Every structure is written in structure tokens, then in C-alpha cells.
């Protein structure tokens, strides 16, 4: 079992990166395009929500394909940490209780992206392909 887990660890890192980027991307598409969900009426690009949507779109795409992965993961980790503090702690309080302030997803995103920043993109990525050439 250990050999199987060791063999699959880098591949599962790639899968984690792709799924996390996919989830982040949909937050941005819902803000700008209303899919899935509802678009934010009157969303301006240079508003806080507009910038958040751009970060979600760009970082999500980069993470999915594994291009500039460490930089995208670093930005996404900081962005989701800020989203937690601005959107959940500042408005609802309870810093140490994400389940009470609705910030579980933001906290998990923050630490998943922080892990990807340190671990790298995994073998199934444009970054890995660029290193080989």
C-alpha cells in the first residue's frame, strides 16, 4: 500500500491543483457571467468584487492548466485569506470559528493553495512539461 501511495502522490497533487483551480474559476465566472449562479448586477472591474472575480478567473485558469502554478497559488492563497477576513470575520466576527461565520471554504482554499505553492504543480502541468524541454 505504501508503494502505491508513494507512486500516486505527485499525480494526486496534480488532481488537487486542478480541482481547486476549477472550483476557484467558477466563483469568478459566476460573478462576471452568471454561470453557475447569478451574475453580480453592475459589477465594476475595479471594485473589490470585480478584482476578486478577476483573480478567481485568472488564477483558476492558471491553476487548472498548471502554468505559473506557484505564483498563481501564492496569489490565490493570499486572496482567499483576505476573503476570509474581509467577508467572514469582519462582517460576522468569530475569528477562530469558521463554521460559525461561514468561512470554511475560504479557509480550506487558503491552505490548499498554500500547500500547492510549496509542493509545486505536480507532473500533469504545463510547468512540468516546460521543465522537461
N, C-alpha and C. Protein backbone atom coordinates (compact mmCIF):
# COMPACT_ATOMS: atom_id res chain seq x y z
N UNK A 1 0.82 -1.20 0.00
CA UNK A 1 0.00 0.00 0.00
C UNK A 1 0.86 1.26 0.00
N UNK A 2 1.93 1.28 0.78
CA UNK A 2 2.79 2.46 0.83
C UNK A 2 3.42 2.77 -0.52
N UNK A 3 3.83 1.72 -1.25
CA UNK A 3 4.41 1.94 -2.58
C UNK A 3 3.40 2.57 -3.54
N UNK A 4 2.16 2.10 -3.47
CA UNK A 4 1.11 2.66 -4.32
C UNK A 4 0.87 4.12 -3.98
N UNK A 5 0.79 4.41 -2.69
CA UNK A 5 0.56 5.81 -2.27
C UNK A 5 1.72 6.69 -2.68
N UNK A 6 2.94 6.19 -2.52
CA UNK A 6 4.11 6.97 -2.90
C UNK A 6 4.14 7.23 -4.40
N UNK A 7 3.76 6.22 -5.18
CA UNK A 7 3.73 6.37 -6.64
C UNK A 7 2.69 7.40 -7.06
N UNK A 8 1.55 7.40 -6.41
CA UNK A 8 0.45 8.27 -6.81
C UNK A 8 0.50 9.66 -6.19
N UNK A 9 1.35 9.90 -5.21
CA UNK A 9 1.38 11.20 -4.53
C UNK A 9 1.54 12.38 -5.49
N UNK A 10 2.50 12.38 -6.41
CA UNK A 10 2.61 13.52 -7.32
C UNK A 10 1.39 13.69 -8.23
N UNK A 11 0.81 12.58 -8.65
CA UNK A 11 -0.37 12.65 -9.52
C UNK A 11 -1.57 13.21 -8.77
N UNK A 12 -1.72 12.80 -7.53
CA UNK A 12 -2.84 13.31 -6.72
C UNK A 12 -2.64 14.79 -6.43
N UNK A 13 -1.39 15.24 -6.30
CA UNK A 13 -1.13 16.68 -6.17
C UNK A 13 -1.64 17.41 -7.41
N UNK A 14 -1.40 16.86 -8.60
CA UNK A 14 -1.91 17.47 -9.82
C UNK A 14 -3.44 17.52 -9.81
N UNK A 15 -4.06 16.43 -9.36
CA UNK A 15 -5.52 16.38 -9.30
C UNK A 15 -6.05 17.42 -8.31
N UNK A 16 -5.41 17.54 -7.15
CA UNK A 16 -5.81 18.56 -6.17
C UNK A 16 -5.71 19.95 -6.76
N UNK A 17 -4.61 20.24 -7.47
CA UNK A 17 -4.42 21.54 -8.10
C UNK A 17 -5.51 21.82 -9.13
N UNK A 18 -5.83 20.83 -9.95
CA UNK A 18 -6.84 21.01 -11.00
C UNK A 18 -8.22 21.24 -10.39
N UNK A 19 -8.59 20.44 -9.40
CA UNK A 19 -9.92 20.57 -8.79
C UNK A 19 -10.04 21.90 -8.03
N UNK A 20 -9.01 22.28 -7.30
CA UNK A 20 -9.06 23.55 -6.56
C UNK A 20 -9.14 24.73 -7.53
N UNK A 21 -8.37 24.68 -8.62
CA UNK A 21 -8.44 25.73 -9.63
C UNK A 21 -9.80 25.79 -10.30
N UNK A 22 -10.36 24.62 -10.56
CA UNK A 22 -11.70 24.52 -11.16
C UNK A 22 -12.74 25.18 -10.25
N UNK A 23 -12.69 24.87 -8.97
CA UNK A 23 -13.64 25.47 -8.03
C UNK A 23 -13.46 26.98 -7.94
N UNK A 24 -12.21 27.43 -7.93
CA UNK A 24 -11.95 28.88 -7.87
C UNK A 24 -12.46 29.57 -9.13
N UNK A 25 -12.22 28.95 -10.28
CA UNK A 25 -12.66 29.52 -11.56
C UNK A 25 -14.16 29.78 -11.57
N UNK A 26 -14.96 28.84 -11.05
CA UNK A 26 -16.41 29.00 -11.08
C UNK A 26 -16.90 30.15 -10.20
N UNK A 27 -16.15 30.49 -9.18
CA UNK A 27 -16.51 31.68 -8.39
C UNK A 27 -16.40 32.93 -9.26
N UNK A 28 -15.35 32.99 -10.07
CA UNK A 28 -15.18 34.14 -10.96
C UNK A 28 -16.18 34.18 -12.09
N UNK A 29 -16.47 33.02 -12.69
CA UNK A 29 -17.44 33.02 -13.79
C UNK A 29 -18.84 33.38 -13.29
N UNK A 30 -19.16 32.99 -12.07
CA UNK A 30 -20.50 33.35 -11.56
C UNK A 30 -20.60 34.85 -11.32
N UNK A 31 -19.51 35.48 -10.89
CA UNK A 31 -19.54 36.93 -10.67
C UNK A 31 -19.72 37.68 -11.99
N UNK A 32 -18.97 37.26 -13.00
CA UNK A 32 -18.96 38.01 -14.26
C UNK A 32 -20.01 37.55 -15.28
N UNK A 33 -20.24 36.25 -15.35
CA UNK A 33 -21.08 35.71 -16.42
C UNK A 33 -22.38 35.08 -15.94
N UNK A 34 -22.55 34.98 -14.63
CA UNK A 34 -23.77 34.41 -14.09
C UNK A 34 -23.87 32.90 -14.25
N UNK A 35 -22.73 32.26 -14.50
CA UNK A 35 -22.76 30.80 -14.60
C UNK A 35 -21.62 30.21 -13.80
N UNK A 36 -21.87 29.27 -12.94
CA UNK A 36 -23.20 28.91 -12.43
C UNK A 36 -23.66 29.95 -11.41
N UNK A 37 -24.90 30.10 -11.27
CA UNK A 37 -25.43 31.08 -10.33
C UNK A 37 -25.84 32.35 -11.01
N UNK A 38 -25.80 33.42 -10.26
CA UNK A 38 -26.24 34.72 -10.77
C UNK A 38 -25.08 35.68 -10.86
N UNK A 39 -25.04 36.43 -11.95
CA UNK A 39 -24.03 37.48 -12.09
C UNK A 39 -24.35 38.61 -11.12
N UNK A 40 -23.32 39.33 -10.75
CA UNK A 40 -23.50 40.49 -9.89
C UNK A 40 -23.85 41.67 -10.78
N UNK A 41 -25.06 42.19 -10.63
CA UNK A 41 -25.50 43.31 -11.45
C UNK A 41 -24.64 44.54 -11.20
N UNK A 42 -24.23 45.18 -12.25
CA UNK A 42 -23.45 46.41 -12.14
C UNK A 42 -22.04 46.19 -11.63
N UNK A 43 -21.52 44.98 -11.78
CA UNK A 43 -20.17 44.68 -11.30
C UNK A 43 -19.15 45.52 -12.07
N UNK A 44 -18.34 46.25 -11.35
CA UNK A 44 -17.30 47.06 -11.97
C UNK A 44 -15.96 46.38 -11.73
N UNK A 45 -15.14 46.36 -12.77
CA UNK A 45 -13.88 45.64 -12.71
C UNK A 45 -12.99 46.12 -11.57
N UNK A 46 -12.97 47.42 -11.29
CA UNK A 46 -12.07 47.94 -10.26
C UNK A 46 -12.72 48.05 -8.89
N UNK A 47 -13.85 47.41 -8.70
CA UNK A 47 -14.43 47.30 -7.36
C UNK A 47 -13.79 46.12 -6.65
N UNK A 48 -14.03 45.98 -5.36
CA UNK A 48 -13.46 44.85 -4.63
C UNK A 48 -13.95 43.52 -5.21
N UNK A 49 -15.25 43.43 -5.50
CA UNK A 49 -15.80 42.20 -6.08
C UNK A 49 -15.30 41.98 -7.50
N UNK A 50 -15.11 43.04 -8.24
CA UNK A 50 -14.60 42.93 -9.60
C UNK A 50 -13.18 42.40 -9.63
N UNK A 51 -12.34 42.91 -8.75
CA UNK A 51 -10.96 42.43 -8.66
C UNK A 51 -10.94 41.00 -8.16
N UNK A 52 -11.80 40.69 -7.20
CA UNK A 52 -11.90 39.31 -6.70
C UNK A 52 -12.26 38.38 -7.85
N UNK A 53 -13.22 38.77 -8.67
CA UNK A 53 -13.62 37.94 -9.81
C UNK A 53 -12.49 37.74 -10.80
N UNK A 54 -11.72 38.79 -11.05
CA UNK A 54 -10.58 38.66 -11.97
C UNK A 54 -9.53 37.70 -11.42
N UNK A 55 -9.23 37.84 -10.12
CA UNK A 55 -8.27 36.92 -9.50
C UNK A 55 -8.77 35.49 -9.60
N UNK A 56 -10.05 35.28 -9.34
CA UNK A 56 -10.63 33.94 -9.41
C UNK A 56 -10.55 33.37 -10.83
N UNK A 57 -10.86 34.20 -11.81
CA UNK A 57 -10.81 33.74 -13.20
C UNK A 57 -9.38 33.41 -13.63
N UNK A 58 -8.47 34.35 -13.43
CA UNK A 58 -7.10 34.18 -13.92
C UNK A 58 -6.36 33.10 -13.15
N UNK A 59 -6.40 33.17 -11.82
CA UNK A 59 -5.70 32.16 -11.01
C UNK A 59 -6.33 30.78 -11.23
N UNK A 60 -7.65 30.73 -11.36
CA UNK A 60 -8.31 29.45 -11.60
C UNK A 60 -7.83 28.80 -12.89
N UNK A 61 -7.77 29.57 -13.96
CA UNK A 61 -7.30 29.04 -15.25
C UNK A 61 -5.84 28.59 -15.16
N UNK A 62 -4.99 29.44 -14.56
CA UNK A 62 -3.57 29.09 -14.44
C UNK A 62 -3.38 27.83 -13.62
N UNK A 63 -4.15 27.69 -12.54
CA UNK A 63 -4.03 26.50 -11.70
C UNK A 63 -4.54 25.26 -12.42
N UNK A 64 -5.61 25.37 -13.16
CA UNK A 64 -6.14 24.21 -13.88
C UNK A 64 -5.11 23.67 -14.87
N UNK A 65 -4.50 24.56 -15.64
CA UNK A 65 -3.54 24.08 -16.64
C UNK A 65 -2.14 23.90 -16.06
N UNK A 66 -1.90 24.43 -14.87
CA UNK A 66 -0.60 24.26 -14.25
C UNK A 66 0.47 25.15 -14.86
N UNK A 67 0.11 26.38 -15.17
CA UNK A 67 1.05 27.35 -15.72
C UNK A 67 1.30 28.44 -14.69
N UNK A 68 2.56 28.74 -14.42
CA UNK A 68 2.94 29.70 -13.37
C UNK A 68 2.25 29.32 -12.06
N UNK A 69 2.29 28.03 -11.77
CA UNK A 69 1.49 27.47 -10.68
C UNK A 69 1.83 28.06 -9.33
N UNK A 70 3.10 28.15 -9.00
CA UNK A 70 3.47 28.64 -7.67
C UNK A 70 3.02 30.09 -7.48
N UNK A 71 3.19 30.92 -8.46
CA UNK A 71 2.75 32.31 -8.36
C UNK A 71 1.24 32.41 -8.26
N UNK A 72 0.53 31.65 -9.08
CA UNK A 72 -0.93 31.66 -9.03
C UNK A 72 -1.43 31.15 -7.69
N UNK A 73 -0.80 30.10 -7.17
CA UNK A 73 -1.22 29.54 -5.88
C UNK A 73 -0.93 30.52 -4.74
N UNK A 74 0.19 31.22 -4.82
CA UNK A 74 0.53 32.22 -3.80
C UNK A 74 -0.50 33.34 -3.77
N UNK A 75 -0.83 33.85 -4.94
CA UNK A 75 -1.84 34.92 -5.04
C UNK A 75 -3.20 34.40 -4.56
N UNK A 76 -3.57 33.20 -4.99
CA UNK A 76 -4.86 32.64 -4.60
C UNK A 76 -4.93 32.39 -3.09
N UNK A 77 -3.84 31.95 -2.50
CA UNK A 77 -3.81 31.73 -1.06
C UNK A 77 -4.01 33.04 -0.30
N UNK A 78 -3.29 34.06 -0.69
CA UNK A 78 -3.45 35.37 -0.05
C UNK A 78 -4.83 35.95 -0.28
N UNK A 79 -5.32 35.78 -1.50
CA UNK A 79 -6.65 36.28 -1.83
C UNK A 79 -7.73 35.62 -0.98
N UNK A 80 -7.65 34.30 -0.83
CA UNK A 80 -8.67 33.61 -0.05
C UNK A 80 -8.53 33.89 1.44
N UNK A 81 -7.31 34.14 1.91
CA UNK A 81 -7.13 34.57 3.30
C UNK A 81 -7.81 35.92 3.50
N UNK A 82 -7.58 36.84 2.57
CA UNK A 82 -8.23 38.15 2.65
C UNK A 82 -9.74 38.01 2.58
N UNK A 83 -10.22 37.13 1.70
CA UNK A 83 -11.67 36.90 1.60
C UNK A 83 -12.24 36.41 2.92
N UNK A 84 -11.50 35.56 3.60
CA UNK A 84 -11.96 35.07 4.91
C UNK A 84 -12.06 36.22 5.90
N UNK A 85 -11.01 37.02 6.00
CA UNK A 85 -11.02 38.09 7.00
C UNK A 85 -11.99 39.21 6.65
N UNK A 86 -12.08 39.57 5.38
CA UNK A 86 -12.98 40.65 4.97
C UNK A 86 -14.43 40.19 4.91
N UNK A 87 -14.66 39.04 4.31
CA UNK A 87 -16.02 38.59 4.06
C UNK A 87 -16.66 37.82 5.19
N UNK A 88 -15.85 37.27 6.08
CA UNK A 88 -16.43 36.42 7.11
C UNK A 88 -16.14 36.93 8.52
N UNK A 89 -14.89 37.24 8.81
CA UNK A 89 -14.55 37.70 10.17
C UNK A 89 -15.04 39.11 10.40
N UNK A 90 -14.75 40.02 9.45
CA UNK A 90 -15.12 41.43 9.66
C UNK A 90 -16.63 41.61 9.72
N UNK A 91 -17.36 40.82 8.94
CA UNK A 91 -18.81 41.01 8.90
C UNK A 91 -19.54 40.20 9.97
N UNK A 92 -18.96 39.05 10.38
CA UNK A 92 -19.68 38.18 11.31
C UNK A 92 -18.91 37.89 12.59
N UNK A 93 -17.65 38.28 12.65
CA UNK A 93 -16.85 38.02 13.84
C UNK A 93 -16.45 36.57 13.96
N UNK A 94 -16.09 36.17 15.14
CA UNK A 94 -15.73 34.79 15.45
C UNK A 94 -14.55 34.31 14.62
N UNK A 95 -13.40 34.95 14.78
CA UNK A 95 -12.19 34.66 14.03
C UNK A 95 -11.83 33.18 14.00
N UNK A 96 -11.86 32.53 15.13
CA UNK A 96 -11.39 31.15 15.22
C UNK A 96 -12.48 30.10 14.97
N UNK A 97 -13.64 30.53 14.51
CA UNK A 97 -14.75 29.61 14.31
C UNK A 97 -15.33 29.73 12.90
N UNK A 98 -14.61 29.22 11.88
CA UNK A 98 -15.10 29.32 10.51
C UNK A 98 -16.48 28.69 10.30
N UNK A 99 -16.80 27.67 11.06
CA UNK A 99 -18.12 27.04 10.91
C UNK A 99 -19.23 27.99 11.36
N UNK A 100 -18.91 28.91 12.24
CA UNK A 100 -19.91 29.85 12.73
C UNK A 100 -20.04 31.09 11.85
N UNK A 101 -18.96 31.46 11.14
CA UNK A 101 -19.03 32.67 10.32
C UNK A 101 -19.13 32.36 8.82
N UNK A 102 -19.29 31.09 8.46
CA UNK A 102 -19.46 30.70 7.06
C UNK A 102 -18.20 30.72 6.23
N UNK A 103 -17.05 30.71 6.87
CA UNK A 103 -15.80 30.84 6.13
C UNK A 103 -15.02 29.56 5.92
N UNK A 104 -15.66 28.40 6.07
CA UNK A 104 -14.92 27.14 5.93
C UNK A 104 -14.26 27.02 4.56
N UNK A 105 -14.98 27.32 3.50
CA UNK A 105 -14.43 27.19 2.15
C UNK A 105 -13.23 28.11 1.96
N UNK A 106 -13.33 29.34 2.43
CA UNK A 106 -12.22 30.28 2.28
C UNK A 106 -10.98 29.80 3.01
N UNK A 107 -11.15 29.27 4.22
CA UNK A 107 -10.01 28.76 4.99
C UNK A 107 -9.39 27.56 4.28
N UNK A 108 -10.22 26.63 3.83
CA UNK A 108 -9.69 25.46 3.13
C UNK A 108 -8.98 25.86 1.84
N UNK A 109 -9.60 26.73 1.05
CA UNK A 109 -8.94 27.23 -0.16
C UNK A 109 -7.58 27.82 0.18
N UNK A 110 -7.53 28.66 1.20
CA UNK A 110 -6.29 29.32 1.58
C UNK A 110 -5.18 28.30 1.82
N UNK A 111 -5.46 27.27 2.59
CA UNK A 111 -4.42 26.31 2.93
C UNK A 111 -4.13 25.31 1.81
N UNK A 112 -5.11 25.00 0.98
CA UNK A 112 -4.84 24.16 -0.19
C UNK A 112 -3.92 24.90 -1.14
N UNK A 113 -4.19 26.17 -1.40
CA UNK A 113 -3.34 26.94 -2.29
C UNK A 113 -1.96 27.18 -1.69
N UNK A 114 -1.88 27.35 -0.38
CA UNK A 114 -0.58 27.49 0.28
C UNK A 114 0.23 26.21 0.12
N UNK A 115 -0.42 25.06 0.27
CA UNK A 115 0.25 23.78 0.06
C UNK A 115 0.75 23.67 -1.38
N UNK A 116 -0.08 24.02 -2.35
CA UNK A 116 0.32 23.93 -3.76
C UNK A 116 1.49 24.87 -4.04
N UNK A 117 1.50 26.04 -3.40
CA UNK A 117 2.63 26.96 -3.55
C UNK A 117 3.93 26.28 -3.15
N UNK A 118 3.93 25.56 -2.04
CA UNK A 118 5.14 24.90 -1.57
C UNK A 118 5.42 23.59 -2.31
N UNK A 119 4.39 22.82 -2.63
CA UNK A 119 4.57 21.50 -3.24
C UNK A 119 4.82 21.57 -4.74
N UNK A 120 4.36 22.63 -5.39
CA UNK A 120 4.52 22.74 -6.84
C UNK A 120 3.33 22.18 -7.59
N UNK A 121 3.41 22.16 -8.90
CA UNK A 121 2.24 21.83 -9.72
C UNK A 121 1.94 20.34 -9.87
N UNK A 122 2.91 19.49 -9.62
CA UNK A 122 2.73 18.07 -9.91
C UNK A 122 3.09 17.78 -11.35
N UNK A 123 3.09 16.51 -11.73
CA UNK A 123 3.58 16.12 -13.05
C UNK A 123 2.64 16.46 -14.21
N UNK A 124 1.36 16.57 -13.94
CA UNK A 124 0.39 16.84 -15.00
C UNK A 124 0.15 18.34 -15.09
N UNK A 125 1.11 19.06 -15.64
CA UNK A 125 1.02 20.53 -15.70
C UNK A 125 1.87 21.06 -16.85
N UNK A 126 1.54 22.24 -17.28
CA UNK A 126 2.36 22.92 -18.29
C UNK A 126 3.73 23.22 -17.71
N UNK A 127 3.78 23.59 -16.45
CA UNK A 127 5.08 23.87 -15.81
C UNK A 127 6.01 22.66 -15.87
N UNK A 128 5.48 21.47 -15.57
CA UNK A 128 6.28 20.25 -15.63
C UNK A 128 6.73 19.96 -17.05
N UNK A 129 5.86 20.18 -18.02
CA UNK A 129 6.22 19.95 -19.42
C UNK A 129 7.31 20.93 -19.87
N UNK A 130 7.22 22.17 -19.39
CA UNK A 130 8.23 23.17 -19.74
C UNK A 130 9.58 22.84 -19.14
N UNK A 131 9.59 22.25 -17.95
CA UNK A 131 10.85 21.87 -17.31
C UNK A 131 11.55 20.75 -18.09
N UNK A 132 10.77 19.85 -18.66
CA UNK A 132 11.34 18.71 -19.41
C UNK A 132 11.99 19.14 -20.72
N UNK A 133 11.48 20.22 -21.31
CA UNK A 133 12.00 20.63 -22.62
C UNK A 133 13.23 21.49 -22.52
